[in-house]
mmCIF file of all heavy atoms, coordinates in Angstrom:
data_MODEL
# 
_entry.id   MODEL 
# 
loop_
_atom_site.group_PDB 
_atom_site.id 
_atom_site.type_symbol 
_atom_site.label_atom_id 
_atom_site.label_alt_id 
_atom_site.label_comp_id 
_atom_site.label_asym_id 
_atom_site.label_entity_id 
_atom_site.label_seq_id 
_atom_site.pdbx_PDB_ins_code 
_atom_site.Cartn_x 
_atom_site.Cartn_y 
_atom_site.Cartn_z 
_atom_site.occupancy 
_atom_site.B_iso_or_equiv 
_atom_site.pdbx_formal_charge 
_atom_site.auth_seq_id 
_atom_site.auth_comp_id 
_atom_site.auth_asym_id 
_atom_site.auth_atom_id 
_atom_site.pdbx_PDB_model_num 
ATOM 1   N N   . HIS A 1 1  ? 70.659 -29.460 153.922 1.00 0.00 ? 1  HIS A N   1 
ATOM 2   C CA  . HIS A 1 1  ? 71.400 -30.616 154.434 1.00 0.00 ? 1  HIS A CA  1 
ATOM 3   C C   . HIS A 1 1  ? 72.473 -31.071 153.504 1.00 0.00 ? 1  HIS A C   1 
ATOM 4   O O   . HIS A 1 1  ? 72.210 -31.157 152.129 1.00 0.00 ? 1  HIS A O   1 
ATOM 5   C CB  . HIS A 1 1  ? 70.374 -31.812 154.351 1.00 0.00 ? 1  HIS A CB  1 
ATOM 6   C CG  . HIS A 1 1  ? 69.246 -31.699 155.281 1.00 0.00 ? 1  HIS A CG  1 
ATOM 7   N ND1 . HIS A 1 1  ? 69.400 -31.773 156.758 1.00 0.00 ? 1  HIS A ND1 1 
ATOM 8   C CD2 . HIS A 1 1  ? 67.892 -31.550 155.050 1.00 0.00 ? 1  HIS A CD2 1 
ATOM 9   C CE1 . HIS A 1 1  ? 68.124 -31.646 157.280 1.00 0.00 ? 1  HIS A CE1 1 
ATOM 10  N NE2 . HIS A 1 1  ? 67.274 -31.528 156.229 1.00 0.00 ? 1  HIS A NE2 1 
ATOM 11  N N   . ALA A 1 2  ? 73.678 -31.210 153.880 1.00 0.00 ? 2  ALA A N   1 
ATOM 12  C CA  . ALA A 1 2  ? 74.835 -31.424 153.134 1.00 0.00 ? 2  ALA A CA  1 
ATOM 13  C C   . ALA A 1 2  ? 75.613 -32.756 153.592 1.00 0.00 ? 2  ALA A C   1 
ATOM 14  O O   . ALA A 1 2  ? 75.487 -33.111 154.669 1.00 0.00 ? 2  ALA A O   1 
ATOM 15  C CB  . ALA A 1 2  ? 75.935 -30.249 153.274 1.00 0.00 ? 2  ALA A CB  1 
ATOM 16  N N   . ILE A 1 3  ? 76.214 -33.350 152.555 1.00 0.00 ? 3  ILE A N   1 
ATOM 17  C CA  . ILE A 1 3  ? 77.008 -34.502 152.864 1.00 0.00 ? 3  ILE A CA  1 
ATOM 18  C C   . ILE A 1 3  ? 78.568 -34.299 152.201 1.00 0.00 ? 3  ILE A C   1 
ATOM 19  O O   . ILE A 1 3  ? 78.468 -33.832 151.004 1.00 0.00 ? 3  ILE A O   1 
ATOM 20  C CB  . ILE A 1 3  ? 76.566 -35.841 152.292 1.00 0.00 ? 3  ILE A CB  1 
ATOM 21  C CG1 . ILE A 1 3  ? 75.157 -36.169 152.865 1.00 0.00 ? 3  ILE A CG1 1 
ATOM 22  C CG2 . ILE A 1 3  ? 77.512 -37.082 152.527 1.00 0.00 ? 3  ILE A CG2 1 
ATOM 23  C CD1 . ILE A 1 3  ? 74.530 -37.159 152.168 1.00 0.00 ? 3  ILE A CD1 1 
ATOM 24  N N   . TYR A 1 4  ? 79.561 -34.372 152.998 1.00 0.00 ? 4  TYR A N   1 
ATOM 25  C CA  . TYR A 1 4  ? 80.922 -34.141 152.540 1.00 0.00 ? 4  TYR A CA  1 
ATOM 26  C C   . TYR A 1 4  ? 81.362 -35.289 151.847 1.00 0.00 ? 4  TYR A C   1 
ATOM 27  O O   . TYR A 1 4  ? 81.478 -36.380 152.381 1.00 0.00 ? 4  TYR A O   1 
ATOM 28  C CB  . TYR A 1 4  ? 81.773 -33.493 153.592 1.00 0.00 ? 4  TYR A CB  1 
ATOM 29  C CG  . TYR A 1 4  ? 81.452 -32.260 153.996 1.00 0.00 ? 4  TYR A CG  1 
ATOM 30  C CD1 . TYR A 1 4  ? 80.611 -32.138 155.044 1.00 0.00 ? 4  TYR A CD1 1 
ATOM 31  C CD2 . TYR A 1 4  ? 81.961 -31.208 153.292 1.00 0.00 ? 4  TYR A CD2 1 
ATOM 32  C CE1 . TYR A 1 4  ? 80.152 -30.870 155.536 1.00 0.00 ? 4  TYR A CE1 1 
ATOM 33  C CE2 . TYR A 1 4  ? 81.602 -29.857 153.695 1.00 0.00 ? 4  TYR A CE2 1 
ATOM 34  C CZ  . TYR A 1 4  ? 80.621 -29.612 154.706 1.00 0.00 ? 4  TYR A CZ  1 
ATOM 35  O OH  . TYR A 1 4  ? 80.334 -28.351 155.128 1.00 0.00 ? 4  TYR A OH  1 
ATOM 36  N N   . HIS A 1 5  ? 81.919 -35.302 150.601 1.00 0.00 ? 5  HIS A N   1 
ATOM 37  C CA  . HIS A 1 5  ? 82.397 -36.384 149.779 1.00 0.00 ? 5  HIS A CA  1 
ATOM 38  C C   . HIS A 1 5  ? 83.824 -36.549 149.669 1.00 0.00 ? 5  HIS A C   1 
ATOM 39  O O   . HIS A 1 5  ? 84.375 -37.633 149.688 1.00 0.00 ? 5  HIS A O   1 
ATOM 40  C CB  . HIS A 1 5  ? 81.749 -36.469 148.412 1.00 0.00 ? 5  HIS A CB  1 
ATOM 41  C CG  . HIS A 1 5  ? 80.229 -36.382 148.479 1.00 0.00 ? 5  HIS A CG  1 
ATOM 42  N ND1 . HIS A 1 5  ? 79.650 -37.589 148.641 1.00 0.00 ? 5  HIS A ND1 1 
ATOM 43  C CD2 . HIS A 1 5  ? 79.394 -35.448 148.276 1.00 0.00 ? 5  HIS A CD2 1 
ATOM 44  C CE1 . HIS A 1 5  ? 78.219 -37.299 148.746 1.00 0.00 ? 5  HIS A CE1 1 
ATOM 45  N NE2 . HIS A 1 5  ? 78.086 -36.057 148.457 1.00 0.00 ? 5  HIS A NE2 1 
ATOM 46  N N   . ASP A 1 6  ? 84.512 -35.332 149.587 1.00 0.00 ? 6  ASP A N   1 
ATOM 47  C CA  . ASP A 1 6  ? 86.025 -35.310 149.357 1.00 0.00 ? 6  ASP A CA  1 
ATOM 48  C C   . ASP A 1 6  ? 86.531 -34.122 150.016 1.00 0.00 ? 6  ASP A C   1 
ATOM 49  O O   . ASP A 1 6  ? 85.973 -33.095 149.910 1.00 0.00 ? 6  ASP A O   1 
ATOM 50  C CB  . ASP A 1 6  ? 86.163 -35.221 147.754 1.00 0.00 ? 6  ASP A CB  1 
ATOM 51  C CG  . ASP A 1 6  ? 87.714 -35.264 147.637 1.00 0.00 ? 6  ASP A CG  1 
ATOM 52  O OD1 . ASP A 1 6  ? 88.454 -36.202 147.816 1.00 0.00 ? 6  ASP A OD1 1 
ATOM 53  O OD2 . ASP A 1 6  ? 88.174 -34.277 147.010 1.00 0.00 ? 6  ASP A OD2 1 
ATOM 54  N N   . ILE A 1 7  ? 87.536 -34.217 150.946 1.00 0.00 ? 7  ILE A N   1 
ATOM 55  C CA  . ILE A 1 7  ? 88.172 -33.200 151.609 1.00 0.00 ? 7  ILE A CA  1 
ATOM 56  C C   . ILE A 1 7  ? 89.654 -33.369 151.443 1.00 0.00 ? 7  ILE A C   1 
ATOM 57  O O   . ILE A 1 7  ? 90.150 -34.383 151.989 1.00 0.00 ? 7  ILE A O   1 
ATOM 58  C CB  . ILE A 1 7  ? 87.627 -33.173 153.065 1.00 0.00 ? 7  ILE A CB  1 
ATOM 59  C CG1 . ILE A 1 7  ? 86.243 -32.877 153.200 1.00 0.00 ? 7  ILE A CG1 1 
ATOM 60  C CG2 . ILE A 1 7  ? 88.455 -32.154 153.790 1.00 0.00 ? 7  ILE A CG2 1 
ATOM 61  C CD1 . ILE A 1 7  ? 85.620 -32.971 154.680 1.00 0.00 ? 7  ILE A CD1 1 
ATOM 62  N N   . VAL A 1 8  ? 90.363 -32.435 150.853 1.00 0.00 ? 8  VAL A N   1 
ATOM 63  C CA  . VAL A 1 8  ? 91.827 -32.391 150.913 1.00 0.00 ? 8  VAL A CA  1 
ATOM 64  C C   . VAL A 1 8  ? 92.280 -31.078 151.676 1.00 0.00 ? 8  VAL A C   1 
ATOM 65  O O   . VAL A 1 8  ? 91.921 -30.013 151.201 1.00 0.00 ? 8  VAL A O   1 
ATOM 66  C CB  . VAL A 1 8  ? 92.276 -32.391 149.478 1.00 0.00 ? 8  VAL A CB  1 
ATOM 67  C CG1 . VAL A 1 8  ? 93.902 -32.297 149.564 1.00 0.00 ? 8  VAL A CG1 1 
ATOM 68  C CG2 . VAL A 1 8  ? 91.788 -33.500 148.699 1.00 0.00 ? 8  VAL A CG2 1 
ATOM 69  N N   . GLU A 1 9  ? 92.837 -31.231 152.789 1.00 0.00 ? 9  GLU A N   1 
ATOM 70  C CA  . GLU A 1 9  ? 93.026 -30.161 153.715 1.00 0.00 ? 9  GLU A CA  1 
ATOM 71  C C   . GLU A 1 9  ? 93.817 -28.990 152.980 1.00 0.00 ? 9  GLU A C   1 
ATOM 72  O O   . GLU A 1 9  ? 94.796 -29.212 152.332 1.00 0.00 ? 9  GLU A O   1 
ATOM 73  C CB  . GLU A 1 9  ? 93.941 -30.659 154.899 1.00 0.00 ? 9  GLU A CB  1 
ATOM 74  C CG  . GLU A 1 9  ? 94.148 -29.548 155.957 1.00 0.00 ? 9  GLU A CG  1 
ATOM 75  C CD  . GLU A 1 9  ? 94.903 -30.111 157.216 1.00 0.00 ? 9  GLU A CD  1 
ATOM 76  O OE1 . GLU A 1 9  ? 95.077 -31.299 157.326 1.00 0.00 ? 9  GLU A OE1 1 
ATOM 77  O OE2 . GLU A 1 9  ? 95.035 -29.248 158.086 1.00 0.00 ? 9  GLU A OE2 1 
ATOM 78  N N   . ASN A 1 10 ? 93.257 -27.704 153.152 1.00 0.00 ? 10 ASN A N   1 
ATOM 79  C CA  . ASN A 1 10 ? 93.860 -26.627 152.627 1.00 0.00 ? 10 ASN A CA  1 
ATOM 80  C C   . ASN A 1 10 ? 93.771 -26.527 151.024 1.00 0.00 ? 10 ASN A C   1 
ATOM 81  O O   . ASN A 1 10 ? 94.254 -25.574 150.496 1.00 0.00 ? 10 ASN A O   1 
ATOM 82  C CB  . ASN A 1 10 ? 95.144 -26.328 153.139 1.00 0.00 ? 10 ASN A CB  1 
ATOM 83  C CG  . ASN A 1 10 ? 95.249 -26.336 154.621 1.00 0.00 ? 10 ASN A CG  1 
ATOM 84  O OD1 . ASN A 1 10 ? 94.277 -25.787 155.306 1.00 0.00 ? 10 ASN A OD1 1 
ATOM 85  N ND2 . ASN A 1 10 ? 96.404 -26.717 155.130 1.00 0.00 ? 10 ASN A ND2 1 
ATOM 86  N N   . GLU A 1 11 ? 93.129 -27.489 150.427 1.00 0.00 ? 11 GLU A N   1 
ATOM 87  C CA  . GLU A 1 11 ? 92.982 -27.534 148.955 1.00 0.00 ? 11 GLU A CA  1 
ATOM 88  C C   . GLU A 1 11 ? 91.758 -27.616 148.338 1.00 0.00 ? 11 GLU A C   1 
ATOM 89  O O   . GLU A 1 11 ? 91.335 -26.924 147.477 1.00 0.00 ? 11 GLU A O   1 
ATOM 90  C CB  . GLU A 1 11 ? 93.922 -28.634 148.353 1.00 0.00 ? 11 GLU A CB  1 
ATOM 91  C CG  . GLU A 1 11 ? 95.400 -28.404 148.626 1.00 0.00 ? 11 GLU A CG  1 
ATOM 92  C CD  . GLU A 1 11 ? 96.138 -29.659 148.120 1.00 0.00 ? 11 GLU A CD  1 
ATOM 93  O OE1 . GLU A 1 11 ? 95.697 -30.421 147.117 1.00 0.00 ? 11 GLU A OE1 1 
ATOM 94  O OE2 . GLU A 1 11 ? 97.294 -29.866 148.549 1.00 0.00 ? 11 GLU A OE2 1 
ATOM 95  N N   . ARG A 1 12 ? 90.931 -28.606 148.925 1.00 0.00 ? 12 ARG A N   1 
ATOM 96  C CA  . ARG A 1 12 ? 89.488 -28.780 148.190 1.00 0.00 ? 12 ARG A CA  1 
ATOM 97  C C   . ARG A 1 12 ? 88.588 -29.385 149.116 1.00 0.00 ? 12 ARG A C   1 
ATOM 98  O O   . ARG A 1 12 ? 88.889 -30.178 150.080 1.00 0.00 ? 12 ARG A O   1 
ATOM 99  C CB  . ARG A 1 12 ? 89.840 -29.825 147.092 1.00 0.00 ? 12 ARG A CB  1 
ATOM 100 C CG  . ARG A 1 12 ? 88.558 -30.233 146.261 1.00 0.00 ? 12 ARG A CG  1 
ATOM 101 C CD  . ARG A 1 12 ? 88.929 -31.233 145.126 1.00 0.00 ? 12 ARG A CD  1 
ATOM 102 N NE  . ARG A 1 12 ? 89.347 -32.549 145.634 1.00 0.00 ? 12 ARG A NE  1 
ATOM 103 C CZ  . ARG A 1 12 ? 90.710 -32.974 145.209 1.00 0.00 ? 12 ARG A CZ  1 
ATOM 104 N NH1 . ARG A 1 12 ? 91.335 -32.394 144.406 1.00 0.00 ? 12 ARG A NH1 1 
ATOM 105 N NH2 . ARG A 1 12 ? 90.976 -34.202 145.723 1.00 0.00 ? 12 ARG A NH2 1 
ATOM 106 N N   . ILE A 1 13 ? 87.326 -28.983 148.861 1.00 0.00 ? 13 ILE A N   1 
ATOM 107 C CA  . ILE A 1 13 ? 86.083 -29.496 149.547 1.00 0.00 ? 13 ILE A CA  1 
ATOM 108 C C   . ILE A 1 13 ? 85.004 -29.775 148.622 1.00 0.00 ? 13 ILE A C   1 
ATOM 109 O O   . ILE A 1 13 ? 84.750 -28.810 147.816 1.00 0.00 ? 13 ILE A O   1 
ATOM 110 C CB  . ILE A 1 13 ? 85.563 -28.485 150.613 1.00 0.00 ? 13 ILE A CB  1 
ATOM 111 C CG1 . ILE A 1 13 ? 86.636 -28.118 151.573 1.00 0.00 ? 13 ILE A CG1 1 
ATOM 112 C CG2 . ILE A 1 13 ? 84.358 -28.987 151.383 1.00 0.00 ? 13 ILE A CG2 1 
ATOM 113 C CD1 . ILE A 1 13 ? 86.257 -26.710 152.406 1.00 0.00 ? 13 ILE A CD1 1 
ATOM 114 N N   . VAL A 1 14 ? 84.479 -31.104 148.513 1.00 0.00 ? 14 VAL A N   1 
ATOM 115 C CA  . VAL A 1 14 ? 83.466 -31.487 147.626 1.00 0.00 ? 14 VAL A CA  1 
ATOM 116 C C   . VAL A 1 14 ? 82.234 -31.940 148.502 1.00 0.00 ? 14 VAL A C   1 
ATOM 117 O O   . VAL A 1 14 ? 82.438 -32.800 149.322 1.00 0.00 ? 14 VAL A O   1 
ATOM 118 C CB  . VAL A 1 14 ? 83.922 -32.490 146.578 1.00 0.00 ? 14 VAL A CB  1 
ATOM 119 C CG1 . VAL A 1 14 ? 82.850 -32.834 145.692 1.00 0.00 ? 14 VAL A CG1 1 
ATOM 120 C CG2 . VAL A 1 14 ? 85.094 -31.970 145.730 1.00 0.00 ? 14 VAL A CG2 1 
ATOM 121 N N   . TYR A 1 15 ? 81.146 -31.443 148.233 1.00 0.00 ? 15 TYR A N   1 
ATOM 122 C CA  . TYR A 1 15 ? 79.956 -31.757 149.025 1.00 0.00 ? 15 TYR A CA  1 
ATOM 123 C C   . TYR A 1 15 ? 78.716 -31.760 148.073 1.00 0.00 ? 15 TYR A C   1 
ATOM 124 O O   . TYR A 1 15 ? 78.606 -30.905 147.136 1.00 0.00 ? 15 TYR A O   1 
ATOM 125 C CB  . TYR A 1 15 ? 79.753 -30.903 150.369 1.00 0.00 ? 15 TYR A CB  1 
ATOM 126 C CG  . TYR A 1 15 ? 79.697 -29.458 150.055 1.00 0.00 ? 15 TYR A CG  1 
ATOM 127 C CD1 . TYR A 1 15 ? 78.469 -28.887 149.958 1.00 0.00 ? 15 TYR A CD1 1 
ATOM 128 C CD2 . TYR A 1 15 ? 80.826 -28.581 149.756 1.00 0.00 ? 15 TYR A CD2 1 
ATOM 129 C CE1 . TYR A 1 15 ? 78.359 -27.487 149.696 1.00 0.00 ? 15 TYR A CE1 1 
ATOM 130 C CE2 . TYR A 1 15 ? 80.760 -27.221 149.556 1.00 0.00 ? 15 TYR A CE2 1 
ATOM 131 C CZ  . TYR A 1 15 ? 79.499 -26.742 149.538 1.00 0.00 ? 15 TYR A CZ  1 
ATOM 132 O OH  . TYR A 1 15 ? 79.251 -25.381 149.187 1.00 0.00 ? 15 TYR A OH  1 
ATOM 133 N N   . SER A 1 16 ? 77.644 -32.478 148.518 1.00 0.00 ? 16 SER A N   1 
ATOM 134 C CA  . SER A 1 16 ? 76.435 -32.453 147.874 1.00 0.00 ? 16 SER A CA  1 
ATOM 135 C C   . SER A 1 16 ? 75.458 -31.845 148.913 1.00 0.00 ? 16 SER A C   1 
ATOM 136 O O   . SER A 1 16 ? 75.635 -32.036 150.092 1.00 0.00 ? 16 SER A O   1 
ATOM 137 C CB  . SER A 1 16 ? 75.882 -33.694 147.326 1.00 0.00 ? 16 SER A CB  1 
ATOM 138 O OG  . SER A 1 16 ? 75.823 -34.700 148.372 1.00 0.00 ? 16 SER A OG  1 
ATOM 139 N N   . TYR A 1 17 ? 74.374 -31.039 148.469 1.00 0.00 ? 17 TYR A N   1 
ATOM 140 C CA  . TYR A 1 17 ? 73.484 -30.631 149.471 1.00 0.00 ? 17 TYR A CA  1 
ATOM 141 C C   . TYR A 1 17 ? 72.095 -30.453 148.810 1.00 0.00 ? 17 TYR A C   1 
ATOM 142 O O   . TYR A 1 17 ? 72.046 -30.325 147.563 1.00 0.00 ? 17 TYR A O   1 
ATOM 143 C CB  . TYR A 1 17 ? 73.951 -29.314 150.008 1.00 0.00 ? 17 TYR A CB  1 
ATOM 144 C CG  . TYR A 1 17 ? 73.910 -28.098 149.218 1.00 0.00 ? 17 TYR A CG  1 
ATOM 145 C CD1 . TYR A 1 17 ? 72.863 -27.168 149.329 1.00 0.00 ? 17 TYR A CD1 1 
ATOM 146 C CD2 . TYR A 1 17 ? 74.964 -27.743 148.304 1.00 0.00 ? 17 TYR A CD2 1 
ATOM 147 C CE1 . TYR A 1 17 ? 72.861 -25.975 148.572 1.00 0.00 ? 17 TYR A CE1 1 
ATOM 148 C CE2 . TYR A 1 17 ? 74.874 -26.679 147.562 1.00 0.00 ? 17 TYR A CE2 1 
ATOM 149 C CZ  . TYR A 1 17 ? 73.960 -25.783 147.649 1.00 0.00 ? 17 TYR A CZ  1 
ATOM 150 O OH  . TYR A 1 17 ? 73.924 -24.604 146.892 1.00 0.00 ? 17 TYR A OH  1 
ATOM 151 N N   . GLU A 1 18 ? 71.062 -30.635 149.672 1.00 0.00 ? 18 GLU A N   1 
ATOM 152 C CA  . GLU A 1 18 ? 69.672 -30.349 149.072 1.00 0.00 ? 18 GLU A CA  1 
ATOM 153 C C   . GLU A 1 18 ? 69.161 -29.098 149.816 1.00 0.00 ? 18 GLU A C   1 
ATOM 154 O O   . GLU A 1 18 ? 69.574 -28.798 151.088 1.00 0.00 ? 18 GLU A O   1 
ATOM 155 C CB  . GLU A 1 18 ? 68.818 -31.454 149.430 1.00 0.00 ? 18 GLU A CB  1 
ATOM 156 C CG  . GLU A 1 18 ? 68.623 -31.771 150.807 1.00 0.00 ? 18 GLU A CG  1 
ATOM 157 C CD  . GLU A 1 18 ? 67.492 -33.001 151.063 1.00 0.00 ? 18 GLU A CD  1 
ATOM 158 O OE1 . GLU A 1 18 ? 66.785 -33.291 150.107 1.00 0.00 ? 18 GLU A OE1 1 
ATOM 159 O OE2 . GLU A 1 18 ? 67.394 -33.376 152.176 1.00 0.00 ? 18 GLU A OE2 1 
ATOM 160 N N   . MET A 1 19 ? 68.359 -28.234 149.241 1.00 0.00 ? 19 MET A N   1 
ATOM 161 C CA  . MET A 1 19 ? 67.665 -27.174 149.893 1.00 0.00 ? 19 MET A CA  1 
ATOM 162 C C   . MET A 1 19 ? 66.324 -27.310 149.924 1.00 0.00 ? 19 MET A C   1 
ATOM 163 O O   . MET A 1 19 ? 65.752 -27.761 148.891 1.00 0.00 ? 19 MET A O   1 
ATOM 164 C CB  . MET A 1 19 ? 68.057 -25.835 149.086 1.00 0.00 ? 19 MET A CB  1 
ATOM 165 C CG  . MET A 1 19 ? 69.448 -25.346 149.027 1.00 0.00 ? 19 MET A CG  1 
ATOM 166 S SD  . MET A 1 19 ? 70.061 -24.828 150.662 1.00 0.00 ? 19 MET A SD  1 
ATOM 167 C CE  . MET A 1 19 ? 68.891 -23.516 151.087 1.00 0.00 ? 19 MET A CE  1 
ATOM 168 N N   . LEU A 1 20 ? 65.765 -27.094 151.030 1.00 0.00 ? 20 LEU A N   1 
ATOM 169 C CA  . LEU A 1 20 ? 64.230 -27.201 151.129 1.00 0.00 ? 20 LEU A CA  1 
ATOM 170 C C   . LEU A 1 20 ? 63.671 -25.822 151.558 1.00 0.00 ? 20 LEU A C   1 
ATOM 171 O O   . LEU A 1 20 ? 64.261 -25.128 152.308 1.00 0.00 ? 20 LEU A O   1 
ATOM 172 C CB  . LEU A 1 20 ? 63.884 -28.177 152.270 1.00 0.00 ? 20 LEU A CB  1 
ATOM 173 C CG  . LEU A 1 20 ? 64.296 -29.663 151.908 1.00 0.00 ? 20 LEU A CG  1 
ATOM 174 C CD1 . LEU A 1 20 ? 65.748 -29.985 152.430 1.00 0.00 ? 20 LEU A CD1 1 
ATOM 175 C CD2 . LEU A 1 20 ? 63.307 -30.610 152.478 1.00 0.00 ? 20 LEU A CD2 1 
ATOM 176 N N   . LEU A 1 21 ? 62.479 -25.521 151.132 1.00 0.00 ? 21 LEU A N   1 
ATOM 177 C CA  . LEU A 1 21 ? 61.769 -24.305 151.434 1.00 0.00 ? 21 LEU A CA  1 
ATOM 178 C C   . LEU A 1 21 ? 60.389 -24.716 152.079 1.00 0.00 ? 21 LEU A C   1 
ATOM 179 O O   . LEU A 1 21 ? 59.710 -25.353 151.470 1.00 0.00 ? 21 LEU A O   1 
ATOM 180 C CB  . LEU A 1 21 ? 61.593 -23.394 150.216 1.00 0.00 ? 21 LEU A CB  1 
ATOM 181 C CG  . LEU A 1 21 ? 60.964 -22.042 150.492 1.00 0.00 ? 21 LEU A CG  1 
ATOM 182 C CD1 . LEU A 1 21 ? 61.863 -21.221 151.364 1.00 0.00 ? 21 LEU A CD1 1 
ATOM 183 C CD2 . LEU A 1 21 ? 60.673 -21.402 149.142 1.00 0.00 ? 21 LEU A CD2 1 
ATOM 184 N N   . ASP A 1 22 ? 60.340 -24.535 153.403 1.00 0.00 ? 22 ASP A N   1 
ATOM 185 C CA  . ASP A 1 22 ? 59.114 -24.872 154.171 1.00 0.00 ? 22 ASP A CA  1 
ATOM 186 C C   . ASP A 1 22 ? 58.835 -26.375 153.930 1.00 0.00 ? 22 ASP A C   1 
ATOM 187 O O   . ASP A 1 22 ? 57.796 -26.830 153.801 1.00 0.00 ? 22 ASP A O   1 
ATOM 188 C CB  . ASP A 1 22 ? 57.910 -24.155 153.655 1.00 0.00 ? 22 ASP A CB  1 
ATOM 189 C CG  . ASP A 1 22 ? 57.901 -22.637 154.063 1.00 0.00 ? 22 ASP A CG  1 
ATOM 190 O OD1 . ASP A 1 22 ? 58.672 -22.343 155.221 1.00 0.00 ? 22 ASP A OD1 1 
ATOM 191 O OD2 . ASP A 1 22 ? 57.297 -21.832 153.483 1.00 0.00 ? 22 ASP A OD2 1 
ATOM 192 N N   . GLY A 1 23 ? 59.928 -27.206 154.023 1.00 0.00 ? 23 GLY A N   1 
ATOM 193 C CA  . GLY A 1 23 ? 59.968 -28.603 153.992 1.00 0.00 ? 23 GLY A CA  1 
ATOM 194 C C   . GLY A 1 23 ? 59.863 -29.226 152.641 1.00 0.00 ? 23 GLY A C   1 
ATOM 195 O O   . GLY A 1 23 ? 59.927 -30.439 152.450 1.00 0.00 ? 23 GLY A O   1 
ATOM 196 N N   . ARG A 1 24 ? 59.798 -28.411 151.536 1.00 0.00 ? 24 ARG A N   1 
ATOM 197 C CA  . ARG A 1 24 ? 59.658 -28.866 150.144 1.00 0.00 ? 24 ARG A CA  1 
ATOM 198 C C   . ARG A 1 24 ? 60.979 -28.748 149.353 1.00 0.00 ? 24 ARG A C   1 
ATOM 199 O O   . ARG A 1 24 ? 61.654 -27.703 149.528 1.00 0.00 ? 24 ARG A O   1 
ATOM 200 C CB  . ARG A 1 24 ? 58.610 -28.083 149.422 1.00 0.00 ? 24 ARG A CB  1 
ATOM 201 C CG  . ARG A 1 24 ? 58.413 -28.511 147.885 1.00 0.00 ? 24 ARG A CG  1 
ATOM 202 C CD  . ARG A 1 24 ? 57.254 -27.741 147.375 1.00 0.00 ? 24 ARG A CD  1 
ATOM 203 N NE  . ARG A 1 24 ? 57.463 -27.904 145.927 1.00 0.00 ? 24 ARG A NE  1 
ATOM 204 C CZ  . ARG A 1 24 ? 57.417 -26.749 145.130 1.00 0.00 ? 24 ARG A CZ  1 
ATOM 205 N NH1 . ARG A 1 24 ? 57.384 -25.513 145.623 1.00 0.00 ? 24 ARG A NH1 1 
ATOM 206 N NH2 . ARG A 1 24 ? 57.640 -26.902 143.812 1.00 0.00 ? 24 ARG A NH2 1 
ATOM 207 N N   . ARG A 1 25 ? 61.570 -29.842 148.858 1.00 0.00 ? 25 ARG A N   1 
ATOM 208 C CA  . ARG A 1 25 ? 62.886 -29.838 148.232 1.00 0.00 ? 25 ARG A CA  1 
ATOM 209 C C   . ARG A 1 25 ? 62.773 -28.983 146.956 1.00 0.00 ? 25 ARG A C   1 
ATOM 210 O O   . ARG A 1 25 ? 61.948 -29.113 146.137 1.00 0.00 ? 25 ARG A O   1 
ATOM 211 C CB  . ARG A 1 25 ? 63.162 -31.293 147.800 1.00 0.00 ? 25 ARG A CB  1 
ATOM 212 C CG  . ARG A 1 25 ? 64.616 -31.237 147.183 1.00 0.00 ? 25 ARG A CG  1 
ATOM 213 C CD  . ARG A 1 25 ? 65.161 -32.699 146.772 1.00 0.00 ? 25 ARG A CD  1 
ATOM 214 N NE  . ARG A 1 25 ? 65.266 -33.610 147.960 1.00 0.00 ? 25 ARG A NE  1 
ATOM 215 C CZ  . ARG A 1 25 ? 64.381 -34.644 148.133 1.00 0.00 ? 25 ARG A CZ  1 
ATOM 216 N NH1 . ARG A 1 25 ? 63.526 -34.921 147.251 1.00 0.00 ? 25 ARG A NH1 1 
ATOM 217 N NH2 . ARG A 1 25 ? 64.603 -35.297 149.309 1.00 0.00 ? 25 ARG A NH2 1 
ATOM 218 N N   . MET A 1 26 ? 63.757 -28.008 146.842 1.00 0.00 ? 26 MET A N   1 
ATOM 219 C CA  . MET A 1 26 ? 63.808 -27.051 145.765 1.00 0.00 ? 26 MET A CA  1 
ATOM 220 C C   . MET A 1 26 ? 65.011 -27.404 144.913 1.00 0.00 ? 26 MET A C   1 
ATOM 221 O O   . MET A 1 26 ? 64.856 -27.050 143.678 1.00 0.00 ? 26 MET A O   1 
ATOM 222 C CB  . MET A 1 26 ? 63.890 -25.609 146.463 1.00 0.00 ? 26 MET A CB  1 
ATOM 223 C CG  . MET A 1 26 ? 62.948 -25.243 147.385 1.00 0.00 ? 26 MET A CG  1 
ATOM 224 S SD  . MET A 1 26 ? 61.191 -25.267 146.620 1.00 0.00 ? 26 MET A SD  1 
ATOM 225 C CE  . MET A 1 26 ? 61.345 -23.826 145.591 1.00 0.00 ? 26 MET A CE  1 
ATOM 226 N N   . SER A 1 27 ? 66.072 -28.023 145.452 1.00 0.00 ? 27 SER A N   1 
ATOM 227 C CA  . SER A 1 27 ? 67.185 -28.276 144.629 1.00 0.00 ? 27 SER A CA  1 
ATOM 228 C C   . SER A 1 27 ? 68.038 -29.175 145.213 1.00 0.00 ? 27 SER A C   1 
ATOM 229 O O   . SER A 1 27 ? 68.019 -29.451 146.514 1.00 0.00 ? 27 SER A O   1 
ATOM 230 C CB  . SER A 1 27 ? 68.094 -26.981 144.296 1.00 0.00 ? 27 SER A CB  1 
ATOM 231 O OG  . SER A 1 27 ? 68.514 -26.465 145.578 1.00 0.00 ? 27 SER A OG  1 
# 
């Protein structure tokens, strides 16, 4: 699951995301 925080077209993308394994948050 990701959320985009900063987007500068053709230059930069900043996003945060969580990774889950079988429903358990890993990172």
